[in-house]
Amino acid sequence: MVPTECMAFPTYDDAYKFYQTYACHAGFDIKKSRTHKAFHEVCCTREGKHVSKVTDGDRQWRRPSKKMGCKAYVKLRHNYDDGKITSVVYDVVELQHNHPLTPSPSAVKHMRAHKNHDDTVMQFVDTMQESHVPQSCIMGVLSDLHGGQENIPFTSRDVENRTFPPDLCRKAANVRKENADDINKLLEFFNECTLQNTKFYWDA
């Protein structure tokens, strides 16, 4: 469905999620813009104009700005009753963009608002990273799970930059310590075998 003015939702989260889903299918990224007690605005990330604070003489290579002055946005008005929000209404809806849209899954997954970090999948990724599974193998498994590399709802960089919670870091450290202890015990066993049997040979 396409957002239209006067559409009403029970909460702000519902109204935002609807516009986010529309933006994902249409192929553009969104961000939260102006915020007030009476309203919220959610706009295309290409709104506004980029103003550089670096002079041309001092300029070094940097990523170009995505801002293009796009006017596409929605204004969400909050309706109150006795101090509580009773509904959220699309007060203004501007659907026209001044740039091409990219609705393909391979393009959408690079957009911040549409990265889908499913908790179950990411826990599986955490487990593989704890076990020192190579990045290429992790992406291969995710590709199989999603039916192709282009259907993975996040990028290889997202997986590579994933931050573990403290308890998971401690768990991974304990696993590494246990593995090191096992290796040391195995080396001690081989050394004992060498002392007891001169014909026994091993090489690390």
N, C-alpha and C. Protein backbone atom coordinates (compact mmCIF):
# COMPACT_ATOMS: atom_id res chain seq x y z
N MET A 1 0.83 -1.20 0.00
CA MET A 1 0.00 0.00 0.00
C MET A 1 0.87 1.25 0.00
N VAL A 2 0.33 2.30 -0.59
CA VAL A 2 1.03 3.58 -0.68
C VAL A 2 0.50 4.52 0.41
N PRO A 3 1.36 5.20 1.14
CA PRO A 3 0.90 6.13 2.18
C PRO A 3 0.05 7.25 1.58
N THR A 4 -1.01 7.59 2.27
CA THR A 4 -1.87 8.70 1.85
C THR A 4 -2.20 9.56 3.06
N GLU A 5 -2.52 10.81 2.81
CA GLU A 5 -2.88 11.71 3.90
C GLU A 5 -4.15 11.23 4.60
N CYS A 6 -4.20 11.43 5.90
CA CYS A 6 -5.30 11.06 6.78
C CYS A 6 -5.30 9.58 7.19
N MET A 7 -4.33 8.80 6.71
CA MET A 7 -4.20 7.43 7.22
C MET A 7 -3.88 7.50 8.70
N ALA A 8 -4.56 6.67 9.51
CA ALA A 8 -4.40 6.71 10.97
C ALA A 8 -3.84 5.39 11.50
N PHE A 9 -3.04 5.51 12.55
CA PHE A 9 -2.42 4.35 13.18
C PHE A 9 -2.53 4.49 14.70
N PRO A 10 -2.56 3.38 15.42
CA PRO A 10 -2.70 3.47 16.88
C PRO A 10 -1.48 4.04 17.58
N THR A 11 -0.28 3.84 17.01
CA THR A 11 0.94 4.33 17.66
C THR A 11 1.90 4.91 16.62
N TYR A 12 2.90 5.64 17.11
CA TYR A 12 3.93 6.18 16.23
C TYR A 12 4.72 5.05 15.57
N ASP A 13 5.04 4.01 16.34
CA ASP A 13 5.81 2.90 15.79
C ASP A 13 5.09 2.24 14.61
N ASP A 14 3.77 2.12 14.73
CA ASP A 14 2.99 1.53 13.62
C ASP A 14 3.05 2.42 12.39
N ALA A 15 2.92 3.72 12.60
CA ALA A 15 2.96 4.67 11.47
C ALA A 15 4.33 4.67 10.81
N TYR A 16 5.38 4.64 11.64
CA TYR A 16 6.75 4.62 11.10
C TYR A 16 7.01 3.33 10.34
N LYS A 17 6.59 2.20 10.91
CA LYS A 17 6.83 0.91 10.28
C LYS A 17 6.15 0.82 8.92
N PHE A 18 4.95 1.37 8.81
CA PHE A 18 4.23 1.35 7.53
C PHE A 18 5.02 2.11 6.47
N TYR A 19 5.50 3.30 6.82
CA TYR A 19 6.26 4.10 5.86
C TYR A 19 7.60 3.45 5.55
N GLN A 20 8.21 2.84 6.54
CA GLN A 20 9.48 2.13 6.33
C GLN A 20 9.30 0.97 5.35
N THR A 21 8.21 0.22 5.51
CA THR A 21 7.93 -0.90 4.60
C THR A 21 7.70 -0.40 3.18
N TYR A 22 6.94 0.70 3.07
CA TYR A 22 6.71 1.30 1.74
C TYR A 22 8.04 1.73 1.11
N ALA A 23 8.89 2.40 1.89
CA ALA A 23 10.17 2.88 1.39
C ALA A 23 11.06 1.72 0.94
N CYS A 24 11.01 0.62 1.68
CA CYS A 24 11.81 -0.55 1.32
C CYS A 24 11.39 -1.11 -0.03
N HIS A 25 10.08 -1.24 -0.23
CA HIS A 25 9.58 -1.77 -1.51
C HIS A 25 9.80 -0.77 -2.65
N ALA A 26 9.70 0.53 -2.35
CA ALA A 26 9.88 1.55 -3.39
C ALA A 26 11.36 1.72 -3.74
N GLY A 27 12.25 1.48 -2.77
CA GLY A 27 13.68 1.55 -3.06
C GLY A 27 14.36 2.84 -2.66
N PHE A 28 14.02 3.39 -1.47
CA PHE A 28 14.74 4.56 -0.98
C PHE A 28 14.91 4.45 0.53
N ASP A 29 15.94 5.11 1.04
CA ASP A 29 16.25 5.07 2.47
C ASP A 29 15.53 6.22 3.17
N ILE A 30 15.25 6.04 4.46
CA ILE A 30 14.55 7.08 5.21
C ILE A 30 15.29 7.39 6.51
N LYS A 31 14.97 8.52 7.08
CA LYS A 31 15.52 8.90 8.38
C LYS A 31 14.51 9.77 9.11
N LYS A 32 14.63 9.80 10.43
CA LYS A 32 13.76 10.65 11.23
C LYS A 32 14.29 12.08 11.14
N SER A 33 13.37 13.01 10.91
CA SER A 33 13.77 14.40 10.72
C SER A 33 13.30 15.24 11.90
N ARG A 34 12.49 16.24 11.67
CA ARG A 34 12.05 17.13 12.75
C ARG A 34 11.12 16.39 13.71
N THR A 35 11.30 16.69 14.99
CA THR A 35 10.50 16.05 16.03
C THR A 35 9.92 17.12 16.96
N HIS A 36 8.64 16.95 17.28
CA HIS A 36 7.93 17.87 18.17
C HIS A 36 6.92 17.05 18.95
N LYS A 37 6.45 17.59 20.05
CA LYS A 37 5.44 16.86 20.83
C LYS A 37 4.20 16.57 20.00
N ALA A 38 3.88 17.49 19.08
CA ALA A 38 2.65 17.34 18.30
C ALA A 38 2.85 16.58 17.00
N PHE A 39 4.10 16.40 16.57
CA PHE A 39 4.30 15.72 15.28
C PHE A 39 5.71 15.16 15.17
N HIS A 40 5.88 14.27 14.21
CA HIS A 40 7.19 13.76 13.79
C HIS A 40 7.26 13.86 12.27
N GLU A 41 8.44 14.06 11.74
CA GLU A 41 8.63 14.02 10.29
C GLU A 41 9.65 12.94 9.96
N VAL A 42 9.33 12.14 8.94
CA VAL A 42 10.24 11.11 8.45
C VAL A 42 10.47 11.40 6.98
N CYS A 43 11.73 11.52 6.58
CA CYS A 43 12.02 11.96 5.22
C CYS A 43 13.00 11.03 4.52
N CYS A 44 13.13 11.24 3.23
CA CYS A 44 14.13 10.54 2.42
C CYS A 44 15.52 11.01 2.86
N THR A 45 16.48 10.09 2.89
CA THR A 45 17.83 10.47 3.34
C THR A 45 18.54 11.40 2.36
N ARG A 46 17.95 11.60 1.18
CA ARG A 46 18.57 12.51 0.21
C ARG A 46 18.00 13.93 0.30
N GLU A 47 17.27 14.21 1.39
CA GLU A 47 16.76 15.57 1.58
C GLU A 47 17.91 16.48 2.00
N GLY A 48 17.68 17.79 1.85
CA GLY A 48 18.68 18.76 2.28
C GLY A 48 19.79 18.97 1.26
N LYS A 49 20.64 19.92 1.57
CA LYS A 49 21.77 20.25 0.73
C LYS A 49 23.06 20.09 1.52
N HIS A 50 24.08 19.52 0.87
CA HIS A 50 25.36 19.34 1.54
C HIS A 50 26.16 20.64 1.50
N VAL A 51 26.62 21.07 2.66
CA VAL A 51 27.45 22.26 2.76
C VAL A 51 28.81 21.83 3.30
N SER A 52 29.83 21.93 2.46
CA SER A 52 31.16 21.49 2.87
C SER A 52 31.82 22.53 3.76
N LYS A 53 32.47 22.04 4.83
CA LYS A 53 33.21 22.92 5.73
C LYS A 53 34.71 22.91 5.42
N VAL A 54 35.07 22.25 4.31
CA VAL A 54 36.47 22.14 3.92
C VAL A 54 36.69 22.94 2.65
N THR A 55 37.72 23.77 2.62
CA THR A 55 38.02 24.55 1.43
C THR A 55 38.58 23.65 0.35
N ASP A 56 38.44 24.08 -0.90
CA ASP A 56 38.91 23.28 -2.03
C ASP A 56 40.40 22.97 -1.91
N GLY A 57 41.18 23.93 -1.39
CA GLY A 57 42.62 23.72 -1.29
C GLY A 57 43.00 22.66 -0.26
N ASP A 58 42.16 22.52 0.78
CA ASP A 58 42.44 21.55 1.84
C ASP A 58 41.68 20.24 1.65
N ARG A 59 40.90 20.16 0.60
CA ARG A 59 40.03 19.00 0.41
C ARG A 59 40.84 17.75 0.08
N GLN A 60 40.55 16.67 0.77
CA GLN A 60 41.09 15.36 0.46
C GLN A 60 39.94 14.48 0.00
N TRP A 61 40.28 13.27 -0.46
CA TRP A 61 39.20 12.40 -0.94
C TRP A 61 38.27 12.07 0.21
N ARG A 62 37.01 12.17 -0.04
CA ARG A 62 36.02 11.79 0.96
C ARG A 62 34.77 11.32 0.23
N ARG A 63 33.97 10.50 0.92
CA ARG A 63 32.76 9.95 0.31
C ARG A 63 31.82 11.09 -0.07
N PRO A 64 31.30 11.09 -1.30
CA PRO A 64 30.40 12.17 -1.71
C PRO A 64 29.09 12.14 -0.92
N SER A 65 28.53 13.31 -0.68
CA SER A 65 27.28 13.41 0.06
C SER A 65 26.12 12.87 -0.77
N LYS A 66 25.15 12.25 -0.09
CA LYS A 66 23.96 11.73 -0.76
C LYS A 66 22.84 12.76 -0.83
N LYS A 67 23.03 13.90 -0.17
CA LYS A 67 21.98 14.90 -0.13
C LYS A 67 21.77 15.54 -1.50
N MET A 68 20.49 15.55 -1.93
CA MET A 68 20.16 16.08 -3.26
C MET A 68 18.96 17.03 -3.20
N GLY A 69 18.56 17.42 -2.00
CA GLY A 69 17.41 18.31 -1.89
C GLY A 69 16.08 17.62 -2.14
N CYS A 70 16.02 16.30 -1.92
CA CYS A 70 14.77 15.57 -2.15
C CYS A 70 13.70 16.02 -1.14
N LYS A 71 12.47 16.19 -1.62
CA LYS A 71 11.38 16.71 -0.79
C LYS A 71 10.43 15.61 -0.30
N ALA A 72 10.70 14.36 -0.60
CA ALA A 72 9.79 13.28 -0.20
C ALA A 72 9.83 13.10 1.32
N TYR A 73 8.65 13.12 1.95
CA TYR A 73 8.59 12.93 3.40
C TYR A 73 7.14 12.71 3.83
N VAL A 74 6.97 12.29 5.08
CA VAL A 74 5.64 12.24 5.68
C VAL A 74 5.69 12.98 7.02
N LYS A 75 4.60 13.66 7.32
CA LYS A 75 4.47 14.34 8.61
C LYS A 75 3.43 13.59 9.43
N LEU A 76 3.84 13.10 10.58
CA LEU A 76 2.97 12.31 11.44
C LEU A 76 2.44 13.19 12.57
N ARG A 77 1.12 13.40 12.58
CA ARG A 77 0.51 14.24 13.63
C ARG A 77 0.00 13.36 14.77
N HIS A 78 0.29 13.76 15.99
CA HIS A 78 -0.15 13.02 17.17
C HIS A 78 -1.49 13.57 17.66
N ASN A 79 -2.46 12.71 17.83
CA ASN A 79 -3.74 13.11 18.41
C ASN A 79 -3.76 12.68 19.87
N TYR A 80 -4.10 13.63 20.74
CA TYR A 80 -4.07 13.37 22.18
C TYR A 80 -5.47 13.38 22.78
N ASP A 81 -5.61 12.61 23.85
CA ASP A 81 -6.82 12.64 24.66
C ASP A 81 -6.40 12.44 26.11
N ASP A 82 -6.67 13.44 26.92
CA ASP A 82 -6.29 13.39 28.33
C ASP A 82 -4.78 13.19 28.51
N GLY A 83 -4.01 13.82 27.61
CA GLY A 83 -2.56 13.77 27.72
C GLY A 83 -1.91 12.54 27.14
N LYS A 84 -2.69 11.63 26.58
CA LYS A 84 -2.14 10.41 25.99
C LYS A 84 -2.42 10.36 24.50
N ILE A 85 -1.47 9.82 23.74
CA ILE A 85 -1.65 9.70 22.29
C ILE A 85 -2.70 8.64 22.00
N THR A 86 -3.73 9.04 21.28
CA THR A 86 -4.80 8.10 20.91
C THR A 86 -4.64 7.58 19.50
N SER A 87 -3.97 8.35 18.65
CA SER A 87 -3.72 7.92 17.28
C SER A 87 -2.63 8.79 16.66
N VAL A 88 -2.06 8.27 15.58
CA VAL A 88 -1.05 9.01 14.81
C VAL A 88 -1.52 9.03 13.37
N VAL A 89 -1.60 10.23 12.79
CA VAL A 89 -2.18 10.41 11.46
C VAL A 89 -1.14 10.98 10.51
N TYR A 90 -1.17 10.49 9.25
CA TYR A 90 -0.33 11.09 8.22
C TYR A 90 -0.96 12.43 7.84
N ASP A 91 -0.37 13.50 8.33
CA ASP A 91 -0.91 14.84 8.10
C ASP A 91 -0.49 15.36 6.73
N VAL A 92 0.77 15.11 6.35
CA VAL A 92 1.29 15.50 5.04
C VAL A 92 2.04 14.31 4.45
N VAL A 93 1.79 14.02 3.17
CA VAL A 93 2.49 12.94 2.48
C VAL A 93 3.01 13.47 1.15
N GLU A 94 4.30 13.48 0.99
CA GLU A 94 4.93 13.89 -0.27
C GLU A 94 5.69 12.68 -0.81
N LEU A 95 5.22 12.15 -1.95
CA LEU A 95 5.79 10.91 -2.49
C LEU A 95 6.79 11.13 -3.61
N GLN A 96 6.87 12.34 -4.16
CA GLN A 96 7.73 12.58 -5.31
C GLN A 96 9.20 12.76 -4.90
N HIS A 97 10.07 12.01 -5.56
CA HIS A 97 11.52 12.11 -5.34
C HIS A 97 12.16 12.81 -6.54
N ASN A 98 13.32 13.41 -6.32
CA ASN A 98 14.04 14.06 -7.42
C ASN A 98 15.26 13.23 -7.85
N HIS A 99 15.21 11.93 -7.57
CA HIS A 99 16.33 11.03 -7.90
C HIS A 99 15.75 9.65 -8.19
N PRO A 100 16.49 8.82 -8.90
CA PRO A 100 16.01 7.46 -9.20
C PRO A 100 15.89 6.63 -7.93
N LEU A 101 14.91 5.73 -7.91
CA LEU A 101 14.73 4.80 -6.80
C LEU A 101 15.36 3.46 -7.18
N THR A 102 15.78 2.70 -6.17
CA THR A 102 16.47 1.42 -6.42
C THR A 102 15.82 0.33 -5.58
N PRO A 103 14.73 -0.26 -6.07
CA PRO A 103 13.98 -1.24 -5.28
C PRO A 103 14.56 -2.65 -5.23
N SER A 104 15.67 -2.91 -5.92
CA SER A 104 16.22 -4.27 -5.93
C SER A 104 16.76 -4.64 -4.54
N PRO A 105 16.60 -5.91 -4.11
CA PRO A 105 17.09 -6.34 -2.79
C PRO A 105 18.57 -6.07 -2.59
N SER A 106 19.37 -6.22 -3.66
CA SER A 106 20.81 -6.01 -3.54
C SER A 106 21.15 -4.56 -3.24
N ALA A 107 20.28 -3.63 -3.63
CA ALA A 107 20.51 -2.21 -3.35
C ALA A 107 19.91 -1.82 -2.00
N VAL A 108 18.72 -2.33 -1.70
CA VAL A 108 18.02 -1.96 -0.47
C VAL A 108 18.80 -2.39 0.77
N LYS A 109 19.48 -3.53 0.71
CA LYS A 109 20.16 -4.03 1.91
C LYS A 109 21.32 -3.14 2.35
N HIS A 110 21.75 -2.21 1.49
CA HIS A 110 22.80 -1.26 1.87
C HIS A 110 22.23 -0.02 2.55
N MET A 111 20.90 0.10 2.58
CA MET A 111 20.26 1.27 3.17
C MET A 111 20.05 1.04 4.66
N ARG A 112 20.46 2.01 5.45
CA ARG A 112 20.48 1.86 6.91
C ARG A 112 19.11 1.50 7.49
N ALA A 113 18.06 2.13 7.00
CA ALA A 113 16.73 1.90 7.58
C ALA A 113 16.17 0.52 7.28
N HIS A 114 16.75 -0.16 6.28
CA HIS A 114 16.17 -1.43 5.84
C HIS A 114 17.05 -2.64 6.12
N LYS A 115 18.14 -2.44 6.85
CA LYS A 115 18.97 -3.59 7.21
C LYS A 115 18.19 -4.48 8.17
N ASN A 116 18.04 -5.73 7.81
CA ASN A 116 17.22 -6.66 8.60
C ASN A 116 18.13 -7.62 9.35
N HIS A 117 18.41 -7.30 10.61
CA HIS A 117 19.27 -8.14 11.43
C HIS A 117 18.39 -9.06 12.28
N ASP A 118 17.91 -10.13 11.65
CA ASP A 118 17.08 -11.10 12.36
C ASP A 118 17.87 -11.69 13.54
N ASP A 119 17.25 -11.67 14.74
CA ASP A 119 17.95 -12.10 15.95
C ASP A 119 18.44 -13.54 15.85
N THR A 120 17.60 -14.43 15.33
CA THR A 120 17.98 -15.84 15.23
C THR A 120 19.17 -16.02 14.29
N VAL A 121 19.11 -15.35 13.14
CA VAL A 121 20.20 -15.46 12.17
C VAL A 121 21.49 -14.89 12.75
N MET A 122 21.39 -13.74 13.44
CA MET A 122 22.59 -13.11 13.97
C MET A 122 23.20 -13.92 15.11
N GLN A 123 22.37 -14.63 15.88
CA GLN A 123 22.90 -15.52 16.91
C GLN A 123 23.69 -16.66 16.26
N PHE A 124 23.18 -17.13 15.12
CA PHE A 124 23.89 -18.17 14.37
C PHE A 124 25.23 -17.63 13.87
N VAL A 125 25.22 -16.37 13.40
CA VAL A 125 26.46 -15.73 12.96
C VAL A 125 27.44 -15.61 14.12
N ASP A 126 26.92 -15.22 15.30
CA ASP A 126 27.78 -15.10 16.49
C ASP A 126 28.46 -16.43 16.79
N THR A 127 27.69 -17.52 16.72
CA THR A 127 28.23 -18.85 17.01
C THR A 127 29.34 -19.21 16.03
N MET A 128 29.12 -18.92 14.75
CA MET A 128 30.15 -19.22 13.75
C MET A 128 31.40 -18.39 13.97
N GLN A 129 31.22 -17.11 14.34
CA GLN A 129 32.38 -16.25 14.58
C GLN A 129 33.14 -16.69 15.83
N GLU A 130 32.40 -17.15 16.86
CA GLU A 130 33.06 -17.68 18.06
C GLU A 130 33.95 -18.87 17.70
N SER A 131 33.48 -19.66 16.75
CA SER A 131 34.20 -20.87 16.35
C SER A 131 35.26 -20.59 15.30
N HIS A 132 35.49 -19.30 15.02
CA HIS A 132 36.54 -18.88 14.07
C HIS A 132 36.26 -19.37 12.65
N VAL A 133 34.99 -19.45 12.28
CA VAL A 133 34.64 -19.79 10.90
C VAL A 133 35.02 -18.61 10.02
N PRO A 134 35.74 -18.83 8.91
CA PRO A 134 36.15 -17.72 8.04
C PRO A 134 34.95 -16.91 7.53
N GLN A 135 35.19 -15.61 7.32
CA GLN A 135 34.13 -14.72 6.86
C GLN A 135 33.49 -15.21 5.57
N SER A 136 34.30 -15.69 4.64
CA SER A 136 33.76 -16.16 3.35
C SER A 136 32.83 -17.35 3.54
N CYS A 137 33.16 -18.22 4.49
CA CYS A 137 32.31 -19.38 4.76
C CYS A 137 31.00 -18.96 5.42
N ILE A 138 31.07 -17.97 6.32
CA ILE A 138 29.86 -17.46 6.97
C ILE A 138 28.91 -16.89 5.91
N MET A 139 29.45 -16.09 4.99
CA MET A 139 28.62 -15.50 3.96
C MET A 139 28.06 -16.57 3.03
N GLY A 140 28.83 -17.66 2.82
CA GLY A 140 28.34 -18.76 2.01
C GLY A 140 27.16 -19.45 2.65
N VAL A 141 27.23 -19.65 3.98
CA VAL A 141 26.12 -20.27 4.71
C VAL A 141 24.89 -19.37 4.66
N LEU A 142 25.08 -18.07 4.88
CA LEU A 142 23.97 -17.12 4.83
C LEU A 142 23.35 -17.07 3.44
N SER A 143 24.18 -17.19 2.42
CA SER A 143 23.68 -17.21 1.04
C SER A 143 22.77 -18.41 0.82
N ASP A 144 23.18 -19.57 1.35
CA ASP A 144 22.35 -20.78 1.22
C ASP A 144 21.04 -20.62 1.98
N LEU A 145 21.10 -20.01 3.17
CA LEU A 145 19.90 -19.83 3.99
C LEU A 145 18.88 -18.91 3.32
N HIS A 146 19.38 -17.90 2.60
CA HIS A 146 18.49 -16.89 2.01
C HIS A 146 18.22 -17.13 0.52
N GLY A 147 18.75 -18.22 -0.02
CA GLY A 147 18.49 -18.51 -1.42
C GLY A 147 19.28 -17.66 -2.39
N GLY A 148 20.48 -17.26 -2.00
CA GLY A 148 21.33 -16.48 -2.90
C GLY A 148 21.94 -15.28 -2.21
N GLN A 149 23.15 -14.90 -2.64
CA GLN A 149 23.88 -13.79 -2.04
C GLN A 149 23.08 -12.49 -2.10
N GLU A 150 22.36 -12.29 -3.21
CA GLU A 150 21.63 -11.04 -3.39
C GLU A 150 20.45 -10.90 -2.45
N ASN A 151 20.01 -12.01 -1.83
CA ASN A 151 18.84 -11.97 -0.95
C ASN A 151 19.20 -11.82 0.53
N ILE A 152 20.50 -11.84 0.86
CA ILE A 152 20.90 -11.63 2.25
C ILE A 152 20.55 -10.18 2.63
N PRO A 153 19.77 -9.97 3.70
CA PRO A 153 19.27 -8.62 4.01
C PRO A 153 20.28 -7.72 4.71
N PHE A 154 21.56 -8.03 4.62
CA PHE A 154 22.61 -7.17 5.15
C PHE A 154 23.89 -7.50 4.40
N THR A 155 24.91 -6.72 4.61
CA THR A 155 26.13 -6.87 3.82
C THR A 155 27.22 -7.64 4.57
N SER A 156 28.24 -8.02 3.82
CA SER A 156 29.38 -8.70 4.43
C SER A 156 30.05 -7.80 5.46
N ARG A 157 30.08 -6.50 5.20
CA ARG A 157 30.67 -5.54 6.14
C ARG A 157 29.88 -5.52 7.45
N ASP A 158 28.54 -5.64 7.37
CA ASP A 158 27.73 -5.68 8.59
C ASP A 158 28.12 -6.85 9.47
N VAL A 159 28.35 -8.01 8.85
CA VAL A 159 28.75 -9.20 9.60
C VAL A 159 30.14 -9.01 10.18
N GLU A 160 31.04 -8.47 9.37
CA GLU A 160 32.42 -8.27 9.79
C GLU A 160 32.52 -7.30 10.96
N ASN A 161 31.66 -6.28 10.96
CA ASN A 161 31.71 -5.24 11.99
C ASN A 161 30.80 -5.54 13.17
N ARG A 162 30.19 -6.71 13.18
CA ARG A 162 29.25 -7.04 14.25
C ARG A 162 29.95 -6.98 15.61
N THR A 163 29.29 -6.33 16.58
CA THR A 163 29.83 -6.20 17.93
C THR A 163 29.16 -7.19 18.85
N PHE A 164 29.95 -7.96 19.57
CA PHE A 164 29.40 -8.95 20.48
C PHE A 164 29.04 -8.31 21.82
N PRO A 165 27.93 -8.75 22.45
CA PRO A 165 27.64 -8.31 23.81
C PRO A 165 28.67 -8.87 24.77
N PRO A 166 28.87 -8.24 25.96
CA PRO A 166 29.92 -8.65 26.89
C PRO A 166 29.88 -10.12 27.27
N ASP A 167 28.66 -10.67 27.53
CA ASP A 167 28.59 -12.07 27.94
C ASP A 167 29.04 -13.00 26.83
N LEU A 168 28.78 -12.61 25.58
CA LEU A 168 29.20 -13.43 24.45
C LEU A 168 30.71 -13.36 24.27
N CYS A 169 31.29 -12.20 24.52
CA CYS A 169 32.74 -12.06 24.44
C CYS A 169 33.41 -12.95 25.50
N ARG A 170 32.84 -12.95 26.71
CA ARG A 170 33.40 -13.79 27.77
C ARG A 170 33.30 -15.26 27.40
N LYS A 171 32.15 -15.63 26.81
CA LYS A 171 31.96 -17.02 26.41
C LYS A 171 32.99 -17.42 25.36
N ALA A 172 33.21 -16.55 24.38
CA ALA A 172 34.19 -16.84 23.33
C ALA A 172 35.59 -16.95 23.91
N ALA A 173 35.92 -16.09 24.89
CA ALA A 173 37.24 -16.14 25.53
C ALA A 173 37.42 -17.46 26.27
N ASN A 174 36.36 -17.92 26.94
CA ASN A 174 36.44 -19.19 27.66
C ASN A 174 36.65 -20.36 26.71
N VAL A 175 35.97 -20.30 25.55
CA VAL A 175 36.14 -21.37 24.56
C VAL A 175 37.58 -21.40 24.06
N ARG A 176 38.14 -20.22 23.78
CA ARG A 176 39.53 -20.17 23.31
C ARG A 176 40.49 -20.71 24.37
N LYS A 177 40.23 -20.39 25.65
CA LYS A 177 41.09 -20.87 26.74
C LYS A 177 41.01 -22.39 26.85
N GLU A 178 39.77 -22.93 26.75
CA GLU A 178 39.61 -24.38 26.83
C GLU A 178 40.33 -25.07 25.68
N ASN A 179 40.25 -24.49 24.49
CA ASN A 179 40.94 -25.08 23.34
C ASN A 179 42.46 -25.08 23.55
N ALA A 180 42.97 -23.97 24.10
CA ALA A 180 44.41 -23.89 24.35
C ALA A 180 44.85 -24.92 25.39
N ASP A 181 44.03 -25.11 26.43
CA ASP A 181 44.34 -26.11 27.46
C ASP A 181 44.37 -27.51 26.86
N ASP A 182 43.40 -27.80 25.98
CA ASP A 182 43.35 -29.12 25.34
C ASP A 182 44.61 -29.37 24.50
N ILE A 183 45.06 -28.35 23.79
CA ILE A 183 46.26 -28.49 22.95
C ILE A 183 47.48 -28.75 23.82
N ASN A 184 47.59 -28.01 24.95
CA ASN A 184 48.74 -28.21 25.85
C ASN A 184 48.75 -29.62 26.43
N LYS A 185 47.57 -30.13 26.79
CA LYS A 185 47.49 -31.49 27.33
C LYS A 185 47.90 -32.52 26.28
N LEU A 186 47.50 -32.26 25.03
CA LEU A 186 47.86 -33.18 23.96
C LEU A 186 49.37 -33.19 23.72
N LEU A 187 49.99 -32.01 23.77
CA LEU A 187 51.44 -31.92 23.58
C LEU A 187 52.18 -32.64 24.71
N GLU A 188 51.68 -32.49 25.94
CA GLU A 188 52.29 -33.19 27.08
C GLU A 188 52.20 -34.70 26.89
N PHE A 189 51.05 -35.16 26.40
CA PHE A 189 50.86 -36.60 26.17
C PHE A 189 51.85 -37.12 25.13
N PHE A 190 52.03 -36.37 24.04
CA PHE A 190 52.97 -36.78 23.00
C PHE A 190 54.41 -36.82 23.53
N ASN A 191 54.75 -35.84 24.37
CA ASN A 191 56.10 -35.81 24.94
C ASN A 191 56.35 -37.03 25.84
N GLU A 192 55.34 -37.41 26.60
CA GLU A 192 55.46 -38.60 27.45
C GLU A 192 55.63 -39.86 26.60
N CYS A 193 54.88 -39.93 25.50
CA CYS A 193 54.99 -41.08 24.61
C CYS A 193 56.40 -41.18 24.03
N THR A 194 56.98 -40.02 23.71
CA THR A 194 58.34 -40.00 23.15
C THR A 194 59.36 -40.52 24.17
N LEU A 195 59.18 -40.14 25.44
CA LEU A 195 60.10 -40.59 26.49
C LEU A 195 59.99 -42.09 26.75
N GLN A 196 58.78 -42.62 26.64
CA GLN A 196 58.55 -44.02 26.94
C GLN A 196 58.83 -44.93 25.75
N ASN A 197 58.77 -44.38 24.56
CA ASN A 197 58.95 -45.20 23.36
C ASN A 197 59.81 -44.41 22.36
N THR A 198 61.05 -44.83 22.18
CA THR A 198 61.98 -44.10 21.30
C THR A 198 61.56 -44.18 19.84
N LYS A 199 60.73 -45.17 19.51
CA LYS A 199 60.28 -45.30 18.12
C LYS A 199 59.07 -44.42 17.81
N PHE A 200 58.49 -43.86 18.88
CA PHE A 200 57.34 -42.97 18.67
C PHE A 200 57.83 -41.62 18.18
N TYR A 201 57.24 -41.14 17.09
CA TYR A 201 57.68 -39.86 16.52
C TYR A 201 56.46 -38.99 16.22
N TRP A 202 56.58 -37.74 16.55
CA TRP A 202 55.53 -36.77 16.18
C TRP A 202 56.20 -35.44 15.90
N ASP A 203 55.53 -34.63 15.15
CA ASP A 203 56.08 -33.33 14.77
C ASP A 203 54.96 -32.31 14.74
N ALA A 204 55.11 -31.25 15.52
CA ALA A 204 54.10 -30.20 15.56
C ALA A 204 54.23 -29.28 14.37
